């Protein structure tokens, strides 16, 4: 081999190593942005109380109301999860378990908690694993979280008895988690689901956000980051799949989405709605942005939720 050819191969090898190292570094950075727990600057938690918030009075009520503290052990992990429990004014066996979104916590759910409280339900509002006051270092987009929320549902039934009637309600990643829970083996006391602006699956949503926020194409960063997630956190992005889950569902589900949602694009709700195999209803709130359907059109939102629950929770 000539010296020129030898140096050419060495140079090519160096370039390949540099590219590979760069891609690995980028995928690790993207993993920290998308999967590792911690503050996410690119998403508003919704937990900070501001008087300009349309849901200010509801969130202030939630902040001030007397709560019970419940705890649970995460599914398949030695992690302590915490939740607030607010009993209804009038004793009832009807309870809504609420699931917050990505990079958020239970305090952001005040508007929804107030609505269900006014409808006469007990409310249980957990901090999802790896967020708020719950332990954990990973956000799995509903893959692990769905199993955690099934444990919360079972705890409600254990405390309130076999006559319990439970509804699972979630917003954004919480909506996707709600849908993923519907694909699990669930107790008969879990009567219905309400999902608000959940995505079809984590891979599709992360691919969409990579393009929207950073103008990064799917290949090669998203697959590489998914591989890093598999190694470090035990799941691929495609494993967090709401479409696959609702195909297994046979219980009632209300799908809600904002008509102007560009964070989880509105088109995604039609995909999960078509895939669902249970009794189902769909509400598109015209003009509402991501996770803002309730604050945008509170009367419409509450009326639809009330009518849906009246049909399936007696």
C-alpha atoms as a PDB file:
ATOM      1  CA  UNK A   1       0.000   0.000   0.000  1.00  0.00           C
ATOM      2  CA  UNK A   2       1.368   3.388  -0.968  1.00  0.00           C
ATOM      3  CA  UNK A   3       1.995   6.036   1.647  1.00  0.00           C
ATOM      4  CA  UNK A   4      -0.612   8.318   0.000  1.00  0.00           C
ATOM      5  CA  UNK A   5      -3.281   5.597   0.119  1.00  0.00           C
ATOM      6  CA  UNK A   6      -2.369   4.756   3.709  1.00  0.00           C
ATOM      7  CA  UNK A   7      -2.734   8.375   4.809  1.00  0.00           C
ATOM      8  CA  UNK A   8      -5.993   8.619   2.878  1.00  0.00           C
ATOM      9  CA  UNK A   9      -7.427   5.675   4.814  1.00  0.00           C
ATOM     10  CA  UNK A  10      -6.209   7.140   8.104  1.00  0.00           C
ATOM     11  CA  UNK A  11      -7.803  10.484   7.236  1.00  0.00           C
ATOM     12  CA  UNK A  12     -11.064   8.756   6.316  1.00  0.00           C
ATOM     13  CA  UNK A  13     -10.993   6.853   9.590  1.00  0.00           C
ATOM     14  CA  UNK A  14     -10.456  10.062  11.562  1.00  0.00           C
ATOM     15  CA  UNK A  15     -13.391  11.699   9.758  1.00  0.00           C
ATOM     16  CA  UNK A  16     -15.648   8.712  10.479  1.00  0.00           C
ATOM     17  CA  UNK A  17     -14.666   8.757  14.169  1.00  0.00           C
ATOM     18  CA  UNK A  18     -15.303  12.506  14.391  1.00  0.00           C
ATOM     19  CA  UNK A  19     -18.711  12.176  12.727  1.00  0.00           C
ATOM     20  CA  UNK A  20     -19.648   9.234  14.927  1.00  0.00           C
ATOM     21  CA  UNK A  21     -18.494  11.104  18.016  1.00  0.00           C
ATOM     22  CA  UNK A  22     -20.432  14.174  16.973  1.00  0.00           C
ATOM     23  CA  UNK A  23     -23.614  12.145  16.398  1.00  0.00           C
ATOM     24  CA  UNK A  24     -23.211  10.384  19.735  1.00  0.00           C
ATOM     25  CA  UNK A  25     -22.721  13.690  21.506  1.00  0.00           C
ATOM     26  CA  UNK A  26     -25.756  15.161  19.761  1.00  0.00           C
ATOM     27  CA  UNK A  27     -27.911  12.148  20.620  1.00  0.00           C
ATOM     28  CA  UNK A  28     -26.841  12.325  24.287  1.00  0.00           C
ATOM     29  CA  UNK A  29     -27.726  16.023  24.341  1.00  0.00           C
ATOM     30  CA  UNK A  30     -31.100  15.305  22.704  1.00  0.00           C
ATOM     31  CA  UNK A  31     -31.678  12.503  25.230  1.00  0.00           C
ATOM     32  CA  UNK A  32     -31.167  14.961  28.081  1.00  0.00           C
ATOM     33  CA  UNK A  33     -33.620  17.314  26.398  1.00  0.00           C
ATOM     34  CA  UNK A  34     -36.316  14.718  25.771  1.00  0.00           C
ATOM     35  CA  UNK A  35     -36.008  11.861  28.274  1.00  0.00           C
ATOM     36  CA  UNK A  36     -33.901  12.814  31.293  1.00  0.00           C
ATOM     37  CA  UNK A  37     -35.880  14.448  34.112  1.00  0.00           C
ATOM     38  CA  UNK A  38     -35.303  18.079  34.922  1.00  0.00           C
ATOM     39  CA  UNK A  39     -36.537  21.538  33.983  1.00  0.00           C
ATOM     40  CA  UNK A  40     -37.475  21.817  30.315  1.00  0.00           C
ATOM     41  CA  UNK A  41     -36.984  25.363  29.088  1.00  0.00           C
ATOM     42  CA  UNK A  42     -38.829  24.712  25.816  1.00  0.00           C
ATOM     43  CA  UNK A  43     -42.121  23.830  27.523  1.00  0.00           C
ATOM     44  CA  UNK A  44     -44.113  25.845  30.057  1.00  0.00           C
ATOM     45  CA  UNK A  45     -44.937  23.842  33.152  1.00  0.00           C
ATOM     46  CA  UNK A  46     -48.155  25.772  33.714  1.00  0.00           C
ATOM     47  CA  UNK A  47     -47.633  25.485  37.462  1.00  0.00           C
ATOM     48  CA  UNK A  48     -46.686  29.112  38.211  1.00  0.00           C
ATOM     49  CA  UNK A  49     -49.725  31.021  39.443  1.00  0.00           C
ATOM     50  CA  UNK A  50     -50.329  34.214  37.448  1.00  0.00           C
ATOM     51  CA  UNK A  51     -53.347  36.504  37.706  1.00  0.00           C
ATOM     52  CA  UNK A  52     -53.384  36.780  33.921  1.00  0.00           C
ATOM     53  CA  UNK A  53     -54.081  33.044  33.671  1.00  0.00           C
ATOM     54  CA  UNK A  54     -57.733  32.378  32.644  1.00  0.00           C
ATOM     55  CA  UNK A  55     -57.655  29.522  35.166  1.00  0.00           C
ATOM     56  CA  UNK A  56     -56.217  31.697  37.973  1.00  0.00           C
ATOM     57  CA  UNK A  57     -59.152  31.366  40.379  1.00  0.00           C
ATOM     58  CA  UNK A  58     -59.341  27.595  39.891  1.00  0.00           C
ATOM     59  CA  UNK A  59     -55.601  27.148  40.375  1.00  0.00           C
ATOM     60  CA  UNK A  60     -55.672  29.421  43.424  1.00  0.00           C
ATOM     61  CA  UNK A  61     -58.485  27.292  44.855  1.00  0.00           C
ATOM     62  CA  UNK A  62     -56.434  24.155  44.228  1.00  0.00           C
ATOM     63  CA  UNK A  63     -53.394  25.744  45.853  1.00  0.00           C
ATOM     64  CA  UNK A  64     -55.361  26.647  48.993  1.00  0.00           C
ATOM     65  CA  UNK A  65     -57.778  23.734  49.397  1.00  0.00           C
ATOM     66  CA  UNK A  66     -57.109  21.110  52.067  1.00  0.00           C
ATOM     67  CA  UNK A  67     -55.554  17.995  50.559  1.00  0.00           C
ATOM     68  CA  UNK A  68     -54.584  14.525  51.641  1.00  0.00           C
ATOM     69  CA  UNK A  69     -51.153  13.204  50.676  1.00  0.00           C
ATOM     70  CA  UNK A  70     -51.102   9.773  49.055  1.00  0.00           C
ATOM     71  CA  UNK A  71     -48.015   7.813  48.038  1.00  0.00           C
ATOM     72  CA  UNK A  72     -47.421   4.903  45.682  1.00  0.00           C
ATOM     73  CA  UNK A  73     -44.471   2.823  44.537  1.00  0.00           C
ATOM     74  CA  UNK A  74     -43.708   3.093  40.835  1.00  0.00           C
ATOM     75  CA  UNK A  75     -44.411   0.053  38.675  1.00  0.00           C
ATOM     76  CA  UNK A  76     -41.269  -2.050  38.305  1.00  0.00           C
ATOM     77  CA  UNK A  77     -39.034   0.482  40.040  1.00  0.00           C
ATOM     78  CA  UNK A  78     -38.124   1.451  43.585  1.00  0.00           C
ATOM     79  CA  UNK A  79     -39.393   5.004  43.247  1.00  0.00           C
ATOM     80  CA  UNK A  80     -41.725   6.885  45.586  1.00  0.00           C
ATOM     81  CA  UNK A  81     -44.578   8.656  43.830  1.00  0.00           C
ATOM     82  CA  UNK A  82     -46.724  11.292  45.543  1.00  0.00           C
ATOM     83  CA  UNK A  83     -50.213  12.645  44.916  1.00  0.00           C
ATOM     84  CA  UNK A  84     -52.779  15.086  46.279  1.00  0.00           C
ATOM     85  CA  UNK A  85     -56.243  13.731  47.067  1.00  0.00           C
ATOM     86  CA  UNK A  86     -59.239  16.040  47.422  1.00  0.00           C
ATOM     87  CA  UNK A  87     -62.498  14.412  48.515  1.00  0.00           C
ATOM     88  CA  UNK A  88     -65.744  15.648  47.040  1.00  0.00           C
ATOM     89  CA  UNK A  89     -67.947  17.901  49.179  1.00  0.00           C
ATOM     90  CA  UNK A  90     -70.588  15.167  49.269  1.00  0.00           C
ATOM     91  CA  UNK A  91     -69.363  11.620  49.946  1.00  0.00           C
ATOM     92  CA  UNK A  92     -69.140   9.615  46.730  1.00  0.00           C
ATOM     93  CA  UNK A  93     -67.474   6.559  45.216  1.00  0.00           C
ATOM     94  CA  UNK A  94     -66.776   8.485  41.981  1.00  0.00           C
ATOM     95  CA  UNK A  95     -63.135   9.524  41.554  1.00  0.00           C
ATOM     96  CA  UNK A  96     -61.140  11.117  38.755  1.00  0.00           C
ATOM     97  CA  UNK A  97     -57.393  10.421  38.564  1.00  0.00           C
ATOM     98  CA  UNK A  98     -55.687  13.287  36.723  1.00  0.00           C
ATOM     99  CA  UNK A  99     -52.475  12.988  34.677  1.00  0.00           C
ATOM    100  CA  UNK A 100     -50.409  16.106  33.974  1.00  0.00           C
ATOM    101  CA  UNK A 101     -48.200  16.757  30.961  1.00  0.00           C
ATOM    102  CA  UNK A 102     -44.504  16.662  30.046  1.00  0.00           C
ATOM    103  CA  UNK A 103     -42.220  18.859  32.131  1.00  0.00           C
ATOM    104  CA  UNK A 104     -45.086  19.764  34.446  1.00  0.00           C
ATOM    105  CA  UNK A 105     -46.522  18.733  37.823  1.00  0.00           C
ATOM    106  CA  UNK A 106     -49.794  18.334  39.684  1.00  0.00           C
ATOM    107  CA  UNK A 107     -50.064  22.051  40.516  1.00  0.00           C
ATOM    108  CA  UNK A 108     -50.640  22.776  36.816  1.00  0.00           C
ATOM    109  CA  UNK A 109     -53.865  20.751  36.899  1.00  0.00           C
ATOM    110  CA  UNK A 110     -55.818  23.156  39.118  1.00  0.00           C
ATOM    111  CA  UNK A 111     -58.305  24.166  36.427  1.00  0.00           C
ATOM    112  CA  UNK A 112     -59.243  20.573  35.670  1.00  0.00           C
ATOM    113  CA  UNK A 113     -59.340  19.581  39.350  1.00  0.00           C
ATOM    114  CA  UNK A 114     -61.747  22.437  40.102  1.00  0.00           C
ATOM    115  CA  UNK A 115     -64.009  21.358  37.225  1.00  0.00           C
ATOM    116  CA  UNK A 116     -64.249  17.763  38.418  1.00  0.00           C
ATOM    117  CA  UNK A 117     -64.685  18.904  42.021  1.00  0.00           C
ATOM    118  CA  UNK A 118     -67.658  21.022  40.947  1.00  0.00           C
ATOM    119  CA  UNK A 119     -69.067  17.979  39.141  1.00  0.00           C
ATOM    120  CA  UNK A 120     -69.062  16.117  42.462  1.00  0.00           C
ATOM    121  CA  UNK A 121     -66.028  13.855  42.028  1.00  0.00           C
ATOM    122  CA  UNK A 122     -63.212  12.969  44.363  1.00  0.00           C
ATOM    123  CA  UNK A 123     -59.938  13.901  42.669  1.00  0.00           C
ATOM    124  CA  UNK A 124     -56.507  12.275  42.867  1.00  0.00           C
ATOM    125  CA  UNK A 125     -53.697  14.302  41.318  1.00  0.00           C
ATOM    126  CA  UNK A 126     -50.304  12.549  41.230  1.00  0.00           C
ATOM    127  CA  UNK A 127     -46.924  13.913  40.248  1.00  0.00           C
ATOM    128  CA  UNK A 128     -45.821  11.648  37.418  1.00  0.00           C
ATOM    129  CA  UNK A 129     -42.543   9.763  37.990  1.00  0.00           C
ATOM    130  CA  UNK A 130     -39.489  11.925  37.396  1.00  0.00           C
ATOM    131  CA  UNK A 131     -41.536  15.119  37.703  1.00  0.00           C
ATOM    132  CA  UNK A 132     -42.775  17.317  40.528  1.00  0.00           C
ATOM    133  CA  UNK A 133     -42.179  15.713  43.920  1.00  0.00           C
ATOM    134  CA  UNK A 134     -42.184  12.129  42.628  1.00  0.00           C
ATOM    135  CA  UNK A 135     -38.887  10.298  42.325  1.00  0.00           C
ATOM    136  CA  UNK A 136     -37.319   9.205  39.046  1.00  0.00           C
ATOM    137  CA  UNK A 137     -34.796  10.301  36.451  1.00  0.00           C
ATOM    138  CA  UNK A 138     -36.622   9.340  33.269  1.00  0.00           C
ATOM    139  CA  UNK A 139     -39.672  10.557  31.342  1.00  0.00           C
ATOM    140  CA  UNK A 140     -40.882   7.717  29.116  1.00  0.00           C
ATOM    141  CA  UNK A 141     -43.789   9.440  27.361  1.00  0.00           C
ATOM    142  CA  UNK A 142     -46.388   7.124  28.873  1.00  0.00           C
ATOM    143  CA  UNK A 143     -44.562   3.815  28.514  1.00  0.00           C
ATOM    144  CA  UNK A 144     -43.740   3.392  32.215  1.00  0.00           C
ATOM    145  CA  UNK A 145     -46.145   6.051  33.446  1.00  0.00           C
ATOM    146  CA  UNK A 146     -49.239   4.198  32.210  1.00  0.00           C
ATOM    147  CA  UNK A 147     -48.390   1.303  34.516  1.00  0.00           C
ATOM    148  CA  UNK A 148     -47.887   3.724  37.409  1.00  0.00           C
ATOM    149  CA  UNK A 149     -51.313   5.251  36.861  1.00  0.00           C
ATOM    150  CA  UNK A 150     -52.909   1.827  36.817  1.00  0.00           C
ATOM    151  CA  UNK A 151     -51.435   1.381  40.305  1.00  0.00           C
ATOM    152  CA  UNK A 152     -52.972   4.696  41.371  1.00  0.00           C
ATOM    153  CA  UNK A 153     -56.349   3.521  40.053  1.00  0.00           C
ATOM    154  CA  UNK A 154     -56.002   0.278  41.999  1.00  0.00           C
ATOM    155  CA  UNK A 155     -55.141   2.226  45.147  1.00  0.00           C
ATOM    156  CA  UNK A 156     -58.344   4.248  44.786  1.00  0.00           C
ATOM    157  CA  UNK A 157     -60.322   1.008  44.509  1.00  0.00           C
ATOM    158  CA  UNK A 158     -58.502  -0.525  47.498  1.00  0.00           C
ATOM    159  CA  UNK A 159     -59.359   2.496  49.668  1.00  0.00           C
ATOM    160  CA  UNK A 160     -62.884   3.167  48.444  1.00  0.00           C
ATOM    161  CA  UNK A 161     -64.093  -0.368  47.840  1.00  0.00           C
ATOM    162  CA  UNK A 162     -65.433  -2.489  45.008  1.00  0.00           C
ATOM    163  CA  UNK A 163     -68.247  -0.009  44.366  1.00  0.00           C
ATOM    164  CA  UNK A 164     -65.705   2.574  43.208  1.00  0.00           C
ATOM    165  CA  UNK A 165     -66.163   4.229  39.831  1.00  0.00           C
ATOM    166  CA  UNK A 166     -62.915   5.660  38.481  1.00  0.00           C
ATOM    167  CA  UNK A 167     -62.227   7.910  35.504  1.00  0.00           C
ATOM    168  CA  UNK A 168     -58.715   8.502  34.140  1.00  0.00           C
ATOM    169  CA  UNK A 169     -58.156  11.982  32.689  1.00  0.00           C
ATOM    170  CA  UNK A 170     -54.942  13.313  31.129  1.00  0.00           C
ATOM    171  CA  UNK A 171     -53.600  16.342  29.263  1.00  0.00           C
ATOM    172  CA  UNK A 172     -50.803  16.329  26.634  1.00  0.00           C
ATOM    173  CA  UNK A 173     -48.334  13.605  27.684  1.00  0.00           C
ATOM    174  CA  UNK A 174     -50.945  12.854  30.316  1.00  0.00           C
ATOM    175  CA  UNK A 175     -53.460  12.336  27.530  1.00  0.00           C
ATOM    176  CA  UNK A 176     -51.107   9.919  25.791  1.00  0.00           C
ATOM    177  CA  UNK A 177     -50.484   8.175  29.116  1.00  0.00           C
ATOM    178  CA  UNK A 178     -54.241   7.853  29.614  1.00  0.00           C
ATOM    179  CA  UNK A 179     -54.570   6.230  26.195  1.00  0.00           C
ATOM    180  CA  UNK A 180     -51.672   3.865  26.887  1.00  0.00           C
ATOM    181  CA  UNK A 181     -53.295   2.855  30.179  1.00  0.00           C
ATOM    182  CA  UNK A 182     -56.433   1.901  28.238  1.00  0.00           C
ATOM    183  CA  UNK A 183     -54.414  -0.776  26.453  1.00  0.00           C
ATOM    184  CA  UNK A 184     -53.511  -2.521  29.723  1.00  0.00           C
ATOM    185  CA  UNK A 185     -55.583  -5.029  31.667  1.00  0.00           C
ATOM    186  CA  UNK A 186     -57.706  -2.723  33.807  1.00  0.00           C
ATOM    187  CA  UNK A 187     -60.150  -3.326  36.673  1.00  0.00           C
ATOM    188  CA  UNK A 188     -63.893  -3.152  36.043  1.00  0.00           C
ATOM    189  CA  UNK A 189     -64.116  -0.125  38.345  1.00  0.00           C
ATOM    190  CA  UNK A 190     -62.160   1.942  35.803  1.00  0.00           C
ATOM    191  CA  UNK A 191     -65.190   3.109  33.854  1.00  0.00           C
ATOM    192  CA  UNK A 192     -63.980   5.663  31.305  1.00  0.00           C
ATOM    193  CA  UNK A 193     -61.123   7.744  29.927  1.00  0.00           C
ATOM    194  CA  UNK A 194     -60.796  11.376  28.878  1.00  0.00           C
ATOM    195  CA  UNK A 195     -57.695  12.357  26.949  1.00  0.00           C
ATOM    196  CA  UNK A 196     -56.926  15.954  26.013  1.00  0.00           C
ATOM    197  CA  UNK A 197     -54.355  16.699  23.281  1.00  0.00           C
ATOM    198  CA  UNK A 198     -52.336  13.482  23.594  1.00  0.00           C
ATOM    199  CA  UNK A 199     -49.988  12.373  20.793  1.00  0.00           C
ATOM    200  CA  UNK A 200     -50.080   9.228  18.676  1.00  0.00           C
ATOM    201  CA  UNK A 201     -46.706   7.908  19.834  1.00  0.00           C
ATOM    202  CA  UNK A 202     -43.485   9.301  21.261  1.00  0.00           C
ATOM    203  CA  UNK A 203     -41.455   8.739  18.099  1.00  0.00           C
ATOM    204  CA  UNK A 204     -43.913  10.708  15.968  1.00  0.00           C
ATOM    205  CA  UNK A 205     -44.122  13.559  18.477  1.00  0.00           C
ATOM    206  CA  UNK A 206     -40.359  13.801  19.027  1.00  0.00           C
ATOM    207  CA  UNK A 207     -39.763  13.681  15.268  1.00  0.00           C
ATOM    208  CA  UNK A 208     -42.289  16.482  14.813  1.00  0.00           C
ATOM    209  CA  UNK A 209     -40.741  18.620  17.560  1.00  0.00           C
ATOM    210  CA  UNK A 210     -37.196  18.065  16.271  1.00  0.00           C
ATOM    211  CA  UNK A 211     -38.298  19.484  12.933  1.00  0.00           C
ATOM    212  CA  UNK A 212     -40.408  22.309  14.394  1.00  0.00           C
ATOM    213  CA  UNK A 213     -37.962  23.510  17.040  1.00  0.00           C
ATOM    214  CA  UNK A 214     -34.544  22.721  15.573  1.00  0.00           C
ATOM    215  CA  UNK A 215     -35.239  21.978  11.893  1.00  0.00           C
ATOM    216  CA  UNK A 216     -33.645  18.549  12.434  1.00  0.00           C
ATOM    217  CA  UNK A 217     -34.768  15.676  10.188  1.00  0.00           C
ATOM    218  CA  UNK A 218     -35.804  12.292  11.568  1.00  0.00           C
ATOM    219  CA  UNK A 219     -32.599  10.583  10.427  1.00  0.00           C
ATOM    220  CA  UNK A 220     -30.155  10.064  12.050  1.00  0.00           C
ATOM    221  CA  UNK A 221     -30.700  11.906  15.342  1.00  0.00           C
ATOM    222  CA  UNK A 222     -34.123  10.583  16.390  1.00  0.00           C
ATOM    223  CA  UNK A 223     -33.260   6.868  15.879  1.00  0.00           C
ATOM    224  CA  UNK A 224     -29.904   7.360  17.621  1.00  0.00           C
ATOM    225  CA  UNK A 225     -31.530   9.118  20.563  1.00  0.00           C
ATOM    226  CA  UNK A 226     -34.134   6.350  20.750  1.00  0.00           C
ATOM    227  CA  UNK A 227     -31.269   3.838  20.948  1.00  0.00           C
ATOM    228  CA  UNK A 228     -29.679   5.858  23.748  1.00  0.00           C
ATOM    229  CA  UNK A 229     -33.063   5.828  25.533  1.00  0.00           C
ATOM    230  CA  UNK A 230     -33.209   2.054  25.162  1.00  0.00           C
ATOM    231  CA  UNK A 231     -29.719   1.666  26.686  1.00  0.00           C
ATOM    232  CA  UNK A 232     -30.092   4.245  29.475  1.00  0.00           C
ATOM    233  CA  UNK A 233     -33.823   4.077  30.231  1.00  0.00           C
ATOM    234  CA  UNK A 234     -35.013   0.717  28.897  1.00  0.00           C
ATOM    235  CA  UNK A 235     -37.439   1.844  26.185  1.00  0.00           C
ATOM    236  CA  UNK A 236     -37.499   2.899  22.536  1.00  0.00           C
ATOM    237  CA  UNK A 237     -39.553   5.919  21.512  1.00  0.00           C
ATOM    238  CA  UNK A 238     -41.808   3.681  19.426  1.00  0.00           C
ATOM    239  CA  UNK A 239     -42.695   1.698  22.581  1.00  0.00           C
ATOM    240  CA  UNK A 240     -44.729   4.655  23.916  1.00  0.00           C
ATOM    241  CA  UNK A 241     -47.534   4.121  21.422  1.00  0.00           C
ATOM    242  CA  UNK A 242     -51.048   5.436  22.069  1.00  0.00           C
ATOM    243  CA  UNK A 243     -52.415   4.212  18.728  1.00  0.00           C
ATOM    244  CA  UNK A 244     -51.472   0.613  19.503  1.00  0.00           C
ATOM    245  CA  UNK A 245     -52.939   0.934  23.006  1.00  0.00           C
ATOM    246  CA  UNK A 246     -56.373   2.270  22.057  1.00  0.00           C
ATOM    247  CA  UNK A 247     -56.779  -0.561  19.561  1.00  0.00           C
ATOM    248  CA  UNK A 248     -56.974  -2.812  22.649  1.00  0.00           C
ATOM    249  CA  UNK A 249     -59.397  -0.539  24.483  1.00  0.00           C
ATOM    250  CA  UNK A 250     -63.077  -1.433  24.812  1.00  0.00           C
ATOM    251  CA  UNK A 251     -64.095   1.153  27.409  1.00  0.00           C
ATOM    252  CA  UNK A 252     -65.557   4.621  26.704  1.00  0.00           C
ATOM    253  CA  UNK A 253     -63.127   7.384  25.805  1.00  0.00           C
ATOM    254  CA  UNK A 254     -63.622  11.079  25.142  1.00  0.00           C
ATOM    255  CA  UNK A 255     -60.975  12.575  22.857  1.00  0.00           C
ATOM    256  CA  UNK A 256     -60.429  16.358  23.127  1.00  0.00           C
ATOM    257  CA  UNK A 257     -58.048  18.495  21.083  1.00  0.00           C
ATOM    258  CA  UNK A 258     -57.518  22.160  20.313  1.00  0.00           C
ATOM    259  CA  UNK A 259     -58.203  23.105  16.714  1.00  0.00           C
ATOM    260  CA  UNK A 260     -55.148  25.415  16.694  1.00  0.00           C
ATOM    261  CA  UNK A 261     -52.725  23.029  18.435  1.00  0.00           C
ATOM    262  CA  UNK A 262     -49.295  23.195  16.826  1.00  0.00           C
ATOM    263  CA  UNK A 263     -47.370  21.482  19.651  1.00  0.00           C
ATOM    264  CA  UNK A 264     -49.202  18.179  19.344  1.00  0.00           C
ATOM    265  CA  UNK A 265     -50.731  18.785  15.905  1.00  0.00           C
ATOM    266  CA  UNK A 266     -54.506  18.443  15.760  1.00  0.00           C
ATOM    267  CA  UNK A 267     -54.259  15.789  13.034  1.00  0.00           C
ATOM    268  CA  UNK A 268     -52.962  13.323  15.645  1.00  0.00           C
ATOM    269  CA  UNK A 269     -56.303  13.162  17.456  1.00  0.00           C
ATOM    270  CA  UNK A 270     -58.016  11.812  14.366  1.00  0.00           C
ATOM    271  CA  UNK A 271     -55.498   8.974  14.191  1.00  0.00           C
ATOM    272  CA  UNK A 272     -56.057   7.842  17.773  1.00  0.00           C
ATOM    273  CA  UNK A 273     -59.811   8.374  17.520  1.00  0.00           C
ATOM    274  CA  UNK A 274     -60.073   6.155  14.447  1.00  0.00           C
ATOM    275  CA  UNK A 275     -57.876   3.487  16.066  1.00  0.00           C
ATOM    276  CA  UNK A 276     -59.879   3.284  19.310  1.00  0.00           C
ATOM    277  CA  UNK A 277     -62.102   0.211  19.643  1.00  0.00           C
ATOM    278  CA  UNK A 278     -64.352   1.325  22.497  1.00  0.00           C
ATOM    279  CA  UNK A 279     -67.364   3.667  22.663  1.00  0.00           C
ATOM    280  CA  UNK A 280     -65.909   7.045  21.776  1.00  0.00           C
ATOM    281  CA  UNK A 281     -66.645  10.724  21.399  1.00  0.00           C
ATOM    282  CA  UNK A 282     -64.575  13.531  19.890  1.00  0.00           C
ATOM    283  CA  UNK A 283     -64.438  17.231  20.731  1.00  0.00           C
ATOM    284  CA  UNK A 284     -62.353  19.646  18.674  1.00  0.00           C
ATOM    285  CA  UNK A 285     -62.279  23.087  20.312  1.00  0.00           C
ATOM    286  CA  UNK A 286     -61.945  25.669  17.515  1.00  0.00           C
ATOM    287  CA  UNK A 287     -59.101  28.141  17.986  1.00  0.00           C
ATOM    288  CA  UNK A 288     -57.674  26.441  21.082  1.00  0.00           C
ATOM    289  CA  UNK A 289     -53.913  25.993  21.274  1.00  0.00           C
ATOM    290  CA  UNK A 290     -52.069  23.153  22.997  1.00  0.00           C
ATOM    291  CA  UNK A 291     -53.486  22.182  26.401  1.00  0.00           C
ATOM    292  CA  UNK A 292     -55.681  25.297  26.323  1.00  0.00           C
ATOM    293  CA  UNK A 293     -59.066  23.873  25.312  1.00  0.00           C
ATOM    294  CA  UNK A 294     -60.546  24.330  28.802  1.00  0.00           C
ATOM    295  CA  UNK A 295     -59.335  27.901  29.285  1.00  0.00           C
ATOM    296  CA  UNK A 296     -60.280  28.812  25.688  1.00  0.00           C
ATOM    297  CA  UNK A 297     -63.851  27.497  25.805  1.00  0.00           C
ATOM    298  CA  UNK A 298     -64.686  26.556  29.414  1.00  0.00           C
ATOM    299  CA  UNK A 299     -68.467  26.304  28.941  1.00  0.00           C
ATOM    300  CA  UNK A 300     -68.171  24.023  25.901  1.00  0.00           C
ATOM    301  CA  UNK A 301     -65.472  21.914  27.557  1.00  0.00           C
ATOM    302  CA  UNK A 302     -67.342  21.449  30.831  1.00  0.00           C
ATOM    303  CA  UNK A 303     -70.638  20.734  29.085  1.00  0.00           C
ATOM    304  CA  UNK A 304     -69.075  17.996  26.947  1.00  0.00           C
ATOM    305  CA  UNK A 305     -67.204  16.397  29.857  1.00  0.00           C
ATOM    306  CA  UNK A 306     -70.312  16.473  32.067  1.00  0.00           C
ATOM    307  CA  UNK A 307     -72.496  14.871  29.383  1.00  0.00           C
ATOM    308  CA  UNK A 308     -69.892  12.192  28.627  1.00  0.00           C
ATOM    309  CA  UNK A 309     -69.459  11.228  32.277  1.00  0.00           C
ATOM    310  CA  UNK A 310     -73.217  11.228  32.894  1.00  0.00           C
ATOM    311  CA  UNK A 311     -73.523   8.579  30.193  1.00  0.00           C
ATOM    312  CA  UNK A 312     -70.930   6.185  31.615  1.00  0.00           C
ATOM    313  CA  UNK A 313     -70.484   6.943  35.339  1.00  0.00           C
ATOM    314  CA  UNK A 314     -73.718   6.566  37.325  1.00  0.00           C
END
